[in-house]
Amino acid sequence: MNEISILDIISPIMVGPSSSHTAGAVRIGLLAKNIYEKEIKKVKIILYNSYAKTGPGHGTDKGIIAGLLGYSVDNTIIKDIFKTPEASKLEYSFEFEESFTHHPNSVEFIFDDMTISAKSIGGGEVEVDKINNFSLSINGKYNVLVLVVKDEPSILSKITNIIQKNNINIASISCDRYARGKNTSCCIALDGNIQKTAIEEIKKSVNPCLIRYVQKLEN
């Protein structure tokens, strides 16, 4: 059984009214921003199910935009985010859908060259569960190295050897292989901060289809 601390119950400190629909939305936006890496100029955002039905009333749309712009869950600017100069420079649109294949609090970000899917699971806890068509799990609690690589013998050991050579402890590894010899997605949660030089070394060693370093959320 997973242990729950008092901090899990009362956190996060946030702008309301809802931990799942407001704070969760901000954290999802922050993770999407970190994963995308590049300056966000245009994005289509699809809200599903409960997010679609009650999200706008709970400030889900505001939270998502605030997160994409880099604001944290406790910033009071979230309430007026649409009026900010940063929001006016961002070309964004919202769509609202129902889908039995999606979590009740789901959102999809469609950028020019990347799609990111995520969900808010309650109490401000979130999970990014897909980048493009690759399944994975990023919850913002750890620094995470995300890779999509060709499924080849010893490729994971090449990656982990470079990480450990740089004196970084690996907290966990999760991989999802689609078929033998095809692509594999890997999420490697790290206790420390990996340097750019190590990431470049990994790129040269395994030639990934996708690589992202997603730093943990502060709140």
Protein backbone atom coordinates (compact mmCIF):
# COMPACT_ATOMS: atom_id res chain seq x y z
CA MET A 1 0.00 0.00 0.00
CA ASN A 2 1.31 3.46 -0.89
CA GLU A 3 1.81 5.77 2.07
CA ILE A 4 0.14 9.20 1.94
CA SER A 5 1.61 12.05 3.93
CA ILE A 6 -0.20 15.09 5.29
CA LEU A 7 1.52 17.12 2.55
CA ASP A 8 -0.17 14.96 -0.09
CA ILE A 9 -3.52 15.82 1.46
CA ILE A 10 -3.16 19.58 1.85
CA SER A 11 -0.93 20.37 -1.13
CA PRO A 12 -0.55 22.05 -3.50
CA ILE A 13 -0.71 25.68 -2.39
CA MET A 14 -2.64 27.01 -5.34
CA VAL A 15 -4.99 29.46 -6.92
CA GLY A 16 -8.42 27.77 -6.86
CA PRO A 17 -11.09 26.75 -7.07
CA SER A 18 -10.10 23.15 -7.82
CA SER A 19 -6.96 21.12 -7.25
CA SER A 20 -7.66 18.79 -10.18
CA HIS A 21 -9.22 21.29 -12.59
CA THR A 22 -7.11 24.35 -11.76
CA ALA A 23 -3.82 23.41 -10.09
CA GLY A 24 -3.67 20.17 -12.07
CA ALA A 25 -4.23 22.11 -15.29
CA VAL A 26 -1.38 24.50 -14.47
CA ARG A 27 0.98 21.61 -13.74
CA ILE A 28 -0.02 19.86 -16.97
CA GLY A 29 0.69 23.07 -18.88
CA LEU A 30 4.09 23.38 -17.22
CA LEU A 31 5.02 19.81 -18.11
CA ALA A 32 3.88 20.29 -21.70
CA LYS A 33 5.99 23.45 -21.91
CA ASN A 34 9.05 21.61 -20.55
CA ILE A 35 8.57 18.67 -22.89
CA TYR A 36 8.04 20.80 -25.99
CA GLU A 37 11.21 22.79 -25.15
CA LYS A 38 10.92 25.29 -28.00
CA GLU A 39 9.13 28.64 -27.81
CA ILE A 40 5.41 28.00 -28.04
CA LYS A 41 3.85 30.15 -30.73
CA LYS A 42 0.77 28.14 -31.65
CA VAL A 43 -1.14 25.32 -29.96
CA LYS A 44 -4.53 23.63 -30.17
CA ILE A 45 -5.79 22.32 -26.84
CA ILE A 46 -8.45 19.62 -26.61
CA LEU A 47 -10.22 19.18 -23.27
CA TYR A 48 -11.98 15.86 -22.69
CA ASN A 49 -14.93 14.73 -20.57
CA SER A 50 -15.07 16.48 -17.17
CA TYR A 51 -12.40 18.93 -18.28
CA ALA A 52 -14.59 19.77 -21.27
CA LYS A 53 -17.85 20.03 -19.33
CA THR A 54 -16.81 21.84 -16.15
CA GLY A 55 -13.25 22.92 -16.90
CA PRO A 56 -13.95 26.48 -18.05
CA GLY A 57 -16.03 27.12 -14.93
CA HIS A 58 -13.17 25.87 -12.74
CA GLY A 59 -10.50 27.82 -14.61
CA THR A 60 -8.99 24.79 -16.37
CA ASP A 61 -8.47 26.77 -19.57
CA LYS A 62 -6.79 29.57 -17.61
CA GLY A 63 -4.62 27.10 -15.72
CA ILE A 64 -3.43 25.38 -18.87
CA ILE A 65 -2.47 28.64 -20.56
CA ALA A 66 -0.75 29.86 -17.38
CA GLY A 67 1.28 26.66 -17.24
CA LEU A 68 2.25 26.91 -20.90
CA LEU A 69 3.48 30.42 -20.17
CA GLY A 70 5.56 29.20 -17.22
CA TYR A 71 3.49 30.36 -14.23
CA SER A 72 3.25 28.22 -11.09
CA VAL A 73 0.09 27.02 -9.35
CA ASP A 74 0.22 29.71 -6.63
CA ASN A 75 0.49 32.72 -8.94
CA THR A 76 -2.58 34.95 -8.70
CA ILE A 77 -2.11 36.07 -12.30
CA ILE A 78 -3.81 32.81 -13.33
CA LYS A 79 -7.22 34.43 -12.76
CA ASP A 80 -6.48 37.08 -15.38
CA ILE A 81 -4.07 35.14 -17.58
CA PHE A 82 -6.01 35.81 -20.78
CA LYS A 83 -5.46 39.54 -20.31
CA THR A 84 -1.67 39.31 -20.03
CA PRO A 85 0.70 40.43 -22.79
CA GLU A 86 2.22 36.92 -22.91
CA ALA A 87 -1.16 35.31 -23.61
CA SER A 88 -1.95 37.83 -26.32
CA LYS A 89 1.18 36.74 -28.21
CA LEU A 90 0.25 33.06 -28.02
CA GLU A 91 -1.97 31.70 -30.77
CA TYR A 92 -4.15 29.15 -29.01
CA SER A 93 -7.55 27.52 -29.42
CA PHE A 94 -9.67 25.20 -27.29
CA GLU A 95 -11.86 22.30 -28.36
CA PHE A 96 -14.16 20.29 -26.12
CA GLU A 97 -14.84 16.59 -26.61
CA GLU A 98 -16.24 13.51 -24.92
CA SER A 99 -14.37 10.21 -25.22
CA PHE A 100 -14.75 6.95 -23.30
CA THR A 101 -11.11 6.11 -24.11
CA HIS A 102 -9.83 9.17 -22.22
CA HIS A 103 -9.51 9.82 -18.48
CA PRO A 104 -12.25 12.18 -17.14
CA ASN A 105 -9.73 15.01 -16.72
CA SER A 106 -7.74 14.73 -19.93
CA VAL A 107 -6.11 17.24 -22.21
CA GLU A 108 -4.26 17.02 -25.49
CA PHE A 109 -1.82 19.62 -26.79
CA ILE A 110 -1.35 19.73 -30.54
CA PHE A 111 1.72 21.74 -31.54
CA ASP A 112 3.06 22.11 -35.07
CA ASP A 113 5.40 19.12 -34.71
CA MET A 114 4.38 17.35 -31.50
CA THR A 115 1.30 16.06 -29.68
CA ILE A 116 1.29 15.69 -25.89
CA SER A 117 -1.47 13.96 -23.92
CA ALA A 118 -1.95 14.30 -20.17
CA LYS A 119 -4.44 13.86 -17.35
CA SER A 120 -5.14 15.28 -13.90
CA ILE A 121 -5.71 12.48 -11.39
CA GLY A 122 -6.76 14.52 -8.34
CA GLY A 123 -5.20 16.59 -5.57
CA GLY A 124 -3.06 18.48 -8.07
CA GLU A 125 -1.38 15.23 -9.18
CA VAL A 126 -0.93 14.87 -12.94
CA GLU A 127 0.56 12.55 -15.53
CA VAL A 128 1.73 13.05 -19.07
CA ASP A 129 0.94 9.68 -20.64
CA LYS A 130 1.77 10.13 -24.31
CA ILE A 131 4.10 12.08 -26.60
CA ASN A 132 3.07 11.71 -30.21
CA ASN A 133 2.12 8.02 -30.40
CA PHE A 134 4.53 6.88 -27.70
CA SER A 135 3.16 5.83 -24.31
CA LEU A 136 5.04 6.92 -21.18
CA SER A 137 4.53 8.33 -17.71
CA ILE A 138 5.78 11.70 -16.43
CA ASN A 139 4.31 13.05 -13.19
CA GLY A 140 6.59 16.01 -12.46
CA LYS A 141 8.02 14.54 -9.24
CA TYR A 142 11.41 13.63 -10.68
CA ASN A 143 13.79 14.90 -13.29
CA VAL A 144 13.08 12.59 -16.22
CA LEU A 145 15.06 11.71 -19.31
CA VAL A 146 12.59 10.74 -22.04
CA LEU A 147 13.78 8.85 -25.09
CA VAL A 148 12.31 7.09 -28.09
CA VAL A 149 14.92 4.74 -29.49
CA LYS A 150 15.06 1.81 -31.88
CA ASP A 151 14.66 -1.50 -30.08
CA GLU A 152 18.13 -2.99 -30.24
CA PRO A 153 20.11 -5.29 -27.91
CA SER A 154 21.95 -3.45 -25.10
CA ILE A 155 20.64 -0.01 -26.08
CA LEU A 156 19.22 0.60 -22.59
CA SER A 157 22.53 -0.34 -20.97
CA LYS A 158 24.31 2.19 -23.20
CA ILE A 159 22.02 4.92 -21.90
CA THR A 160 22.20 3.94 -18.24
CA ASN A 161 25.98 3.52 -18.34
CA ILE A 162 26.38 7.12 -19.50
CA ILE A 163 24.02 8.34 -16.78
CA GLN A 164 25.83 6.42 -14.05
CA LYS A 165 29.22 7.48 -15.39
CA ASN A 166 28.08 11.04 -14.67
CA ASN A 167 27.37 10.08 -11.02
CA ILE A 168 23.59 10.38 -11.30
CA ASN A 169 21.39 7.91 -9.46
CA ILE A 170 18.53 6.37 -11.42
CA ALA A 171 15.30 6.31 -9.41
CA SER A 172 13.26 4.25 -11.86
CA ILE A 173 13.02 3.14 -15.47
CA SER A 174 9.88 2.41 -17.46
CA CYS A 175 9.86 1.33 -21.10
CA ASP A 176 7.13 0.55 -23.59
CA ARG A 177 8.05 -1.51 -26.64
CA TYR A 178 5.64 -1.64 -29.54
CA ALA A 179 7.19 -4.55 -31.43
CA ARG A 180 10.50 -6.32 -31.56
CA GLY A 181 12.95 -4.31 -33.65
CA LYS A 182 10.68 -1.26 -33.69
CA ASN A 183 10.76 1.79 -31.45
CA THR A 184 10.79 1.76 -27.65
CA SER A 185 9.87 4.68 -25.39
CA CYS A 186 11.80 5.03 -22.12
CA CYS A 187 11.29 7.26 -19.10
CA ILE A 188 14.28 7.35 -16.80
CA ALA A 189 13.59 9.13 -13.52
CA LEU A 190 16.70 10.67 -11.96
CA ASP A 191 17.53 11.76 -8.42
CA GLY A 192 19.91 14.42 -9.69
CA ASN A 193 20.32 16.87 -12.53
CA ILE A 194 21.86 15.54 -15.73
CA GLN A 195 24.21 17.86 -17.60
CA LYS A 196 23.91 18.79 -21.28
CA THR A 197 27.22 17.10 -22.02
CA ALA A 198 25.81 13.75 -20.83
CA ILE A 199 22.67 14.24 -22.94
CA GLU A 200 24.82 14.96 -25.99
CA GLU A 201 26.84 11.83 -25.28
CA ILE A 202 23.63 9.80 -25.17
CA LYS A 203 22.49 11.30 -28.47
CA LYS A 204 25.72 10.26 -30.16
CA SER A 205 25.65 6.80 -28.62
CA VAL A 206 22.06 5.71 -29.39
CA ASN A 207 20.80 8.18 -32.04
CA PRO A 208 17.31 8.57 -30.51
CA CYS A 209 14.20 9.44 -32.51
CA LEU A 210 13.22 11.71 -29.62
CA ILE A 211 15.03 12.86 -26.52
CA ARG A 212 13.82 15.30 -23.89
CA TYR A 213 15.06 16.20 -20.43
CA VAL A 214 12.05 17.19 -18.31
CA GLN A 215 12.91 18.75 -14.98
CA LYS A 216 10.66 18.13 -11.99
CA LEU A 217 8.02 20.68 -11.03
CA GLU A 218 8.74 22.85 -8.02
CA ASN A 219 5.15 22.69 -6.74
